[in-house]
Amino acid sequence: MSHRGVVIMALLALAVTAVVAGDHGTCTKSAGECAVHMRQMYQTRGWMGVELEQNEDGSLRISAVIGGGPAEKSGIKVDDTLVSVNGVALSKDTTESALMKDDDWKIGGVLSLGVKRGGETSIYKVRLEKIPDTLLARIIETHAKEYHPIAKN
């Protein structure tokens, strides 16, 4: 699995990385500060259980669905395309903000996802869960290796 896939697996980890690292390619905080921030954030943030790849139009292709995770339980499948979150159409301009809405991403919260499969778009309801500790540790490790030069070794 690529580093990018691991980071995106929790869905919001992508947004966290962008916010913390900015456009500079290295993080503005220490690796330890980032790890603390991510652990604190995921005490209340929900997890969907997918890996995503952003399409040119801003929609998100489901590249992997984690077995037993919330997305799988809701019927989301690999190669589905996420086109909206809670009624907000995903585009280059809206994807990050749709993924960062704090109130929408609480553990136990339900997301209404517009999912395109084949030629049809359907709405799937996904109840967010707490991210597994082992997965959170992998996301933190990946962030450290990609955005903190000292941690790359």
C-alpha atoms as a PDB file:
ATOM      1  CA  MET A   1       0.000   0.000   0.000  1.00  0.00           C
ATOM      2  CA  SER A   2       1.374   3.436  -0.860  1.00  0.00           C
ATOM      3  CA  HIS A   3       2.113   6.066   1.776  1.00  0.00           C
ATOM      4  CA  ARG A   4      -0.585   8.239   0.224  1.00  0.00           C
ATOM      5  CA  GLY A   5      -3.127   5.437   0.533  1.00  0.00           C
ATOM      6  CA  VAL A   6      -2.357   4.906   4.207  1.00  0.00           C
ATOM      7  CA  VAL A   7      -2.674   8.616   4.916  1.00  0.00           C
ATOM      8  CA  ILE A   8      -5.970   8.831   3.089  1.00  0.00           C
ATOM      9  CA  MET A   9      -7.311   5.604   4.584  1.00  0.00           C
ATOM     10  CA  ALA A  10      -8.875   7.418   7.483  1.00  0.00           C
ATOM     11  CA  LEU A  11     -10.235   9.999   5.116  1.00  0.00           C
ATOM     12  CA  LEU A  12      -9.625  12.955   7.363  1.00  0.00           C
ATOM     13  CA  ALA A  13      -5.967  12.235   7.748  1.00  0.00           C
ATOM     14  CA  LEU A  14      -5.574  13.833   4.317  1.00  0.00           C
ATOM     15  CA  ALA A  15      -7.069  17.062   5.572  1.00  0.00           C
ATOM     16  CA  VAL A  16      -5.055  16.970   8.806  1.00  0.00           C
ATOM     17  CA  THR A  17      -1.835  16.507   6.872  1.00  0.00           C
ATOM     18  CA  ALA A  18      -2.657  19.408   4.565  1.00  0.00           C
ATOM     19  CA  VAL A  19      -3.522  21.714   7.439  1.00  0.00           C
ATOM     20  CA  VAL A  20      -0.446  20.859   9.496  1.00  0.00           C
ATOM     21  CA  ALA A  21       2.033  20.671   6.615  1.00  0.00           C
ATOM     22  CA  GLY A  22       0.656  23.449   4.482  1.00  0.00           C
ATOM     23  CA  ASP A  23       1.996  23.702   0.951  1.00  0.00           C
ATOM     24  CA  HIS A  24       5.631  23.429   1.997  1.00  0.00           C
ATOM     25  CA  GLY A  25       6.132  19.646   1.861  1.00  0.00           C
ATOM     26  CA  THR A  26       7.453  19.583   5.409  1.00  0.00           C
ATOM     27  CA  CYS A  27       5.414  20.025   8.529  1.00  0.00           C
ATOM     28  CA  THR A  28       5.584  23.220  10.555  1.00  0.00           C
ATOM     29  CA  LYS A  29       5.262  21.312  13.846  1.00  0.00           C
ATOM     30  CA  SER A  30       7.475  18.667  15.372  1.00  0.00           C
ATOM     31  CA  ALA A  31       6.659  15.017  14.686  1.00  0.00           C
ATOM     32  CA  GLY A  32       5.709  14.665  18.354  1.00  0.00           C
ATOM     33  CA  GLU A  33       3.337  17.636  18.203  1.00  0.00           C
ATOM     34  CA  CYS A  34       1.671  16.190  15.110  1.00  0.00           C
ATOM     35  CA  ALA A  35       1.261  12.791  16.771  1.00  0.00           C
ATOM     36  CA  VAL A  36      -0.348  14.402  19.828  1.00  0.00           C
ATOM     37  CA  HIS A  37      -2.636  16.499  17.616  1.00  0.00           C
ATOM     38  CA  MET A  38      -3.770  13.497  15.576  1.00  0.00           C
ATOM     39  CA  ARG A  39      -4.392  11.349  18.679  1.00  0.00           C
ATOM     40  CA  GLN A  40      -6.419  14.155  20.272  1.00  0.00           C
ATOM     41  CA  MET A  41      -8.414  14.770  17.111  1.00  0.00           C
ATOM     42  CA  TYR A  42      -9.343  11.106  16.740  1.00  0.00           C
ATOM     43  CA  GLN A  43     -10.717  10.940  20.279  1.00  0.00           C
ATOM     44  CA  THR A  44     -13.894  12.489  18.834  1.00  0.00           C
ATOM     45  CA  ARG A  45     -13.495  12.307  15.040  1.00  0.00           C
ATOM     46  CA  GLY A  46     -15.186   9.465  13.267  1.00  0.00           C
ATOM     47  CA  TRP A  47     -13.622   7.029  10.820  1.00  0.00           C
ATOM     48  CA  MET A  48     -15.218   5.760   7.629  1.00  0.00           C
ATOM     49  CA  GLY A  49     -12.875   2.893   6.712  1.00  0.00           C
ATOM     50  CA  VAL A  50     -11.842   3.642   3.128  1.00  0.00           C
ATOM     51  CA  GLU A  51      -8.835   4.585   1.068  1.00  0.00           C
ATOM     52  CA  LEU A  52      -9.465   7.364  -1.423  1.00  0.00           C
ATOM     53  CA  GLU A  53      -7.865   8.837  -4.507  1.00  0.00           C
ATOM     54  CA  GLN A  54      -8.888  12.296  -5.632  1.00  0.00           C
ATOM     55  CA  ASN A  55     -10.107  12.563  -9.214  1.00  0.00           C
ATOM     56  CA  GLU A  56      -9.366  15.586 -11.387  1.00  0.00           C
ATOM     57  CA  ASP A  57     -12.869  16.964 -10.788  1.00  0.00           C
ATOM     58  CA  GLY A  58     -12.511  16.780  -6.984  1.00  0.00           C
ATOM     59  CA  SER A  59     -14.633  13.665  -6.508  1.00  0.00           C
ATOM     60  CA  LEU A  60     -13.002  10.786  -4.644  1.00  0.00           C
ATOM     61  CA  ARG A  61     -12.547   7.254  -5.976  1.00  0.00           C
ATOM     62  CA  ILE A  62     -12.848   4.523  -3.355  1.00  0.00           C
ATOM     63  CA  SER A  63      -9.614   2.586  -3.897  1.00  0.00           C
ATOM     64  CA  ALA A  64     -10.039   0.284  -0.879  1.00  0.00           C
ATOM     65  CA  VAL A  65     -12.738  -0.538   1.650  1.00  0.00           C
ATOM     66  CA  ILE A  66     -11.553  -1.781   5.039  1.00  0.00           C
ATOM     67  CA  GLY A  67     -13.217  -5.075   5.989  1.00  0.00           C
ATOM     68  CA  GLY A  68     -15.672  -4.680   8.842  1.00  0.00           C
ATOM     69  CA  GLY A  69     -15.434  -0.880   8.714  1.00  0.00           C
ATOM     70  CA  PRO A  70     -18.342   1.552   8.519  1.00  0.00           C
ATOM     71  CA  ALA A  71     -18.221   1.960   4.729  1.00  0.00           C
ATOM     72  CA  GLU A  72     -18.325  -1.776   4.111  1.00  0.00           C
ATOM     73  CA  LYS A  73     -21.247  -2.140   6.518  1.00  0.00           C
ATOM     74  CA  SER A  74     -23.095   0.520   4.515  1.00  0.00           C
ATOM     75  CA  GLY A  75     -22.550  -1.174   1.151  1.00  0.00           C
ATOM     76  CA  ILE A  76     -19.815   1.044  -0.282  1.00  0.00           C
ATOM     77  CA  LYS A  77     -17.503  -0.814  -2.665  1.00  0.00           C
ATOM     78  CA  VAL A  78     -14.087  -0.431  -4.268  1.00  0.00           C
ATOM     79  CA  ASP A  79     -14.230   1.744  -7.420  1.00  0.00           C
ATOM     80  CA  ASP A  80     -17.316   3.624  -6.242  1.00  0.00           C
ATOM     81  CA  THR A  81     -16.922   7.379  -6.603  1.00  0.00           C
ATOM     82  CA  LEU A  82     -17.790   9.675  -3.714  1.00  0.00           C
ATOM     83  CA  VAL A  83     -19.473  12.709  -5.316  1.00  0.00           C
ATOM     84  CA  SER A  84     -21.040  14.424  -2.287  1.00  0.00           C
ATOM     85  CA  VAL A  85     -20.881  14.531   1.505  1.00  0.00           C
ATOM     86  CA  ASN A  86     -24.008  15.593   3.408  1.00  0.00           C
ATOM     87  CA  GLY A  87     -25.422  17.241   0.309  1.00  0.00           C
ATOM     88  CA  VAL A  88     -22.242  19.148  -0.615  1.00  0.00           C
ATOM     89  CA  ALA A  89     -21.086  18.225  -4.110  1.00  0.00           C
ATOM     90  CA  LEU A  90     -17.373  17.441  -4.178  1.00  0.00           C
ATOM     91  CA  SER A  91     -15.234  19.567  -6.482  1.00  0.00           C
ATOM     92  CA  LYS A  92     -11.679  20.857  -6.438  1.00  0.00           C
ATOM     93  CA  ASP A  93     -12.953  23.789  -4.372  1.00  0.00           C
ATOM     94  CA  THR A  94     -15.184  21.919  -1.903  1.00  0.00           C
ATOM     95  CA  THR A  95     -13.599  18.552  -1.139  1.00  0.00           C
ATOM     96  CA  GLU A  96     -11.282  19.701   1.653  1.00  0.00           C
ATOM     97  CA  SER A  97     -13.943  21.789   3.403  1.00  0.00           C
ATOM     98  CA  ALA A  98     -16.484  18.948   3.150  1.00  0.00           C
ATOM     99  CA  LEU A  99     -13.986  16.625   4.829  1.00  0.00           C
ATOM    100  CA  MET A 100     -13.083  19.094   7.582  1.00  0.00           C
ATOM    101  CA  LYS A 101     -16.549  19.986   8.942  1.00  0.00           C
ATOM    102  CA  ASP A 102     -16.098  19.117  12.621  1.00  0.00           C
ATOM    103  CA  ASP A 103     -19.787  18.651  13.400  1.00  0.00           C
ATOM    104  CA  ASP A 104     -20.254  16.164  10.567  1.00  0.00           C
ATOM    105  CA  TRP A 105     -17.393  13.858  11.533  1.00  0.00           C
ATOM    106  CA  LYS A 106     -18.080  12.874  15.162  1.00  0.00           C
ATOM    107  CA  ILE A 107     -17.849   9.243  16.287  1.00  0.00           C
ATOM    108  CA  GLY A 108     -21.385   7.864  16.006  1.00  0.00           C
ATOM    109  CA  GLY A 109     -22.411  10.541  13.506  1.00  0.00           C
ATOM    110  CA  VAL A 110     -24.049   9.540  10.246  1.00  0.00           C
ATOM    111  CA  LEU A 111     -22.781  10.843   6.912  1.00  0.00           C
ATOM    112  CA  SER A 112     -24.996  10.998   3.869  1.00  0.00           C
ATOM    113  CA  LEU A 113     -22.713  10.119   0.973  1.00  0.00           C
ATOM    114  CA  GLY A 114     -23.521  10.554  -2.698  1.00  0.00           C
ATOM    115  CA  VAL A 115     -21.896   7.562  -4.337  1.00  0.00           C
ATOM    116  CA  LYS A 116     -21.675   7.007  -8.073  1.00  0.00           C
ATOM    117  CA  ARG A 117     -21.505   3.371  -9.158  1.00  0.00           C
ATOM    118  CA  GLY A 118     -21.617   2.694 -12.840  1.00  0.00           C
ATOM    119  CA  GLY A 119     -23.940   5.327 -14.255  1.00  0.00           C
ATOM    120  CA  GLU A 120     -26.109   5.740 -11.152  1.00  0.00           C
ATOM    121  CA  THR A 121     -25.692   7.929  -8.094  1.00  0.00           C
ATOM    122  CA  SER A 122     -27.205   6.716  -4.826  1.00  0.00           C
ATOM    123  CA  ILE A 123     -27.151   8.010  -1.261  1.00  0.00           C
ATOM    124  CA  TYR A 124     -25.476   5.817   1.352  1.00  0.00           C
ATOM    125  CA  LYS A 125     -25.710   6.439   5.082  1.00  0.00           C
ATOM    126  CA  VAL A 126     -22.463   5.686   6.932  1.00  0.00           C
ATOM    127  CA  ARG A 127     -22.278   5.682  10.736  1.00  0.00           C
ATOM    128  CA  LEU A 128     -18.777   6.773  11.729  1.00  0.00           C
ATOM    129  CA  GLU A 129     -16.784   4.728  14.217  1.00  0.00           C
ATOM    130  CA  LYS A 130     -13.666   5.233  16.304  1.00  0.00           C
ATOM    131  CA  ILE A 131     -10.551   4.634  14.239  1.00  0.00           C
ATOM    132  CA  PRO A 132      -8.693   1.453  15.256  1.00  0.00           C
ATOM    133  CA  ASP A 133      -5.571   2.256  17.300  1.00  0.00           C
ATOM    134  CA  THR A 134      -3.316   0.256  14.965  1.00  0.00           C
ATOM    135  CA  LEU A 135      -4.512   2.228  11.955  1.00  0.00           C
ATOM    136  CA  LEU A 136      -4.069   5.563  13.709  1.00  0.00           C
ATOM    137  CA  ALA A 137      -0.507   4.564  14.605  1.00  0.00           C
ATOM    138  CA  ARG A 138       0.194   3.783  10.903  1.00  0.00           C
ATOM    139  CA  ILE A 139      -1.235   7.133   9.807  1.00  0.00           C
ATOM    140  CA  ILE A 140       0.900   8.995  12.330  1.00  0.00           C
ATOM    141  CA  GLU A 141       4.004   7.037  11.267  1.00  0.00           C
ATOM    142  CA  THR A 142       3.328   7.741   7.595  1.00  0.00           C
ATOM    143  CA  HIS A 143       2.831  11.455   8.260  1.00  0.00           C
ATOM    144  CA  ALA A 144       6.093  11.582  10.194  1.00  0.00           C
ATOM    145  CA  LYS A 145       8.028   9.885   7.379  1.00  0.00           C
ATOM    146  CA  GLU A 146       6.519  12.039   4.629  1.00  0.00           C
ATOM    147  CA  TYR A 147       6.497  15.459   6.312  1.00  0.00           C
ATOM    148  CA  HIS A 148       9.269  15.354   8.944  1.00  0.00           C
ATOM    149  CA  PRO A 149      12.730  14.975   7.342  1.00  0.00           C
ATOM    150  CA  ILE A 150      14.397  13.528  10.444  1.00  0.00           C
ATOM    151  CA  ALA A 151      11.789  10.759  10.712  1.00  0.00           C
ATOM    152  CA  LYS A 152      12.411   9.527   7.145  1.00  0.00           C
ATOM    153  CA  ASN A 153      15.345   7.327   8.179  1.00  0.00           C
END
